Protein backbone atom coordinates (compact mmCIF):
# COMPACT_ATOMS: atom_id res chain seq x y z
CA UNK A 1 0.00 0.00 0.00
CA UNK A 2 2.82 2.40 0.80
CA UNK A 3 4.26 1.89 -2.67
CA UNK A 4 1.00 2.72 -4.44
CA UNK A 5 -0.41 5.51 -2.26
CA UNK A 6 -0.32 8.11 -5.04
CA UNK A 7 -2.15 5.82 -7.43
CA UNK A 8 -4.68 4.94 -4.75
CA UNK A 9 -5.40 8.59 -4.02
CA UNK A 10 -5.71 9.36 -7.74
CA UNK A 11 -8.09 6.43 -8.18
CA UNK A 12 -10.40 7.61 -5.40
CA UNK A 13 -10.32 11.19 -6.71
CA UNK A 14 -11.36 10.02 -10.17
CA UNK A 15 -14.08 7.78 -8.71
CA UNK A 16 -15.38 10.73 -6.68
CA UNK A 17 -15.43 12.91 -9.81
CA UNK A 18 -17.30 10.21 -11.71
CA UNK A 19 -19.90 9.81 -8.96
CA UNK A 20 -20.29 13.60 -8.80
CA UNK A 21 -20.72 13.77 -12.59
CA UNK A 22 -23.42 11.09 -12.47
CA UNK A 23 -25.26 12.46 -9.44
CA UNK A 24 -25.52 16.00 -10.83
CA UNK A 25 -26.96 17.03 -14.14
CA UNK A 26 -23.85 16.97 -16.33
CA UNK A 27 -23.70 16.46 -20.06
CA UNK A 28 -23.11 13.00 -21.47
CA UNK A 29 -19.62 13.96 -22.64
CA UNK A 30 -18.50 14.89 -19.13
CA UNK A 31 -19.91 11.69 -17.63
CA UNK A 32 -18.31 9.57 -20.35
CA UNK A 33 -14.93 11.28 -20.06
CA UNK A 34 -14.83 11.02 -16.27
CA UNK A 35 -15.83 7.36 -16.54
CA UNK A 36 -12.97 6.64 -18.93
CA UNK A 37 -10.52 8.41 -16.63
CA UNK A 38 -11.74 6.33 -13.68
CA UNK A 39 -11.46 3.15 -15.77
CA UNK A 40 -7.93 3.90 -16.96
CA UNK A 41 -6.78 4.87 -13.48
CA UNK A 42 -8.14 1.63 -12.02
CA UNK A 43 -6.41 -0.40 -14.75
CA UNK A 44 -3.18 1.48 -14.08
CA UNK A 45 -3.50 0.79 -10.35
CA UNK A 46 -4.19 -2.86 -11.02
CA UNK A 47 -0.99 -3.29 -13.04
CA UNK A 48 1.13 -1.49 -10.43
CA UNK A 49 -0.01 -3.85 -7.71
CA UNK A 50 2.34 -6.64 -6.63
CA UNK A 51 -0.64 -8.96 -6.24
CA UNK A 52 -1.55 -8.60 -9.92
CA UNK A 53 2.00 -9.41 -11.01
CA UNK A 54 2.04 -12.52 -8.84
CA UNK A 55 -1.39 -13.56 -10.08
CA UNK A 56 -0.38 -13.19 -13.72
CA UNK A 57 2.87 -15.11 -13.23
CA UNK A 58 1.01 -17.96 -11.53
CA UNK A 59 -1.55 -17.99 -14.33
CA UNK A 60 1.17 -18.20 -16.98
CA UNK A 61 2.96 -20.96 -15.04
CA UNK A 62 -0.27 -22.97 -14.78
CA UNK A 63 -0.90 -22.58 -18.50
CA UNK A 64 2.62 -23.83 -19.26
CA UNK A 65 2.19 -26.83 -16.91
CA UNK A 66 -1.17 -27.70 -18.49
CA UNK A 67 0.34 -28.12 -21.96
């Protein structure tokens, strides 16, 4: 968590912006753009996580063993 604190804060800021855009009367373009930003930030956070790297390496190893 200490390694990814900036990404975590950015993720929650973008999620808050997206929820605000949905809950108020914003145009479709603003809601769509804020949703894409939240999606990309969550994907970025997911790939920075050590857990995701371990999960992907285990998945690849299991695929290699299965063949």
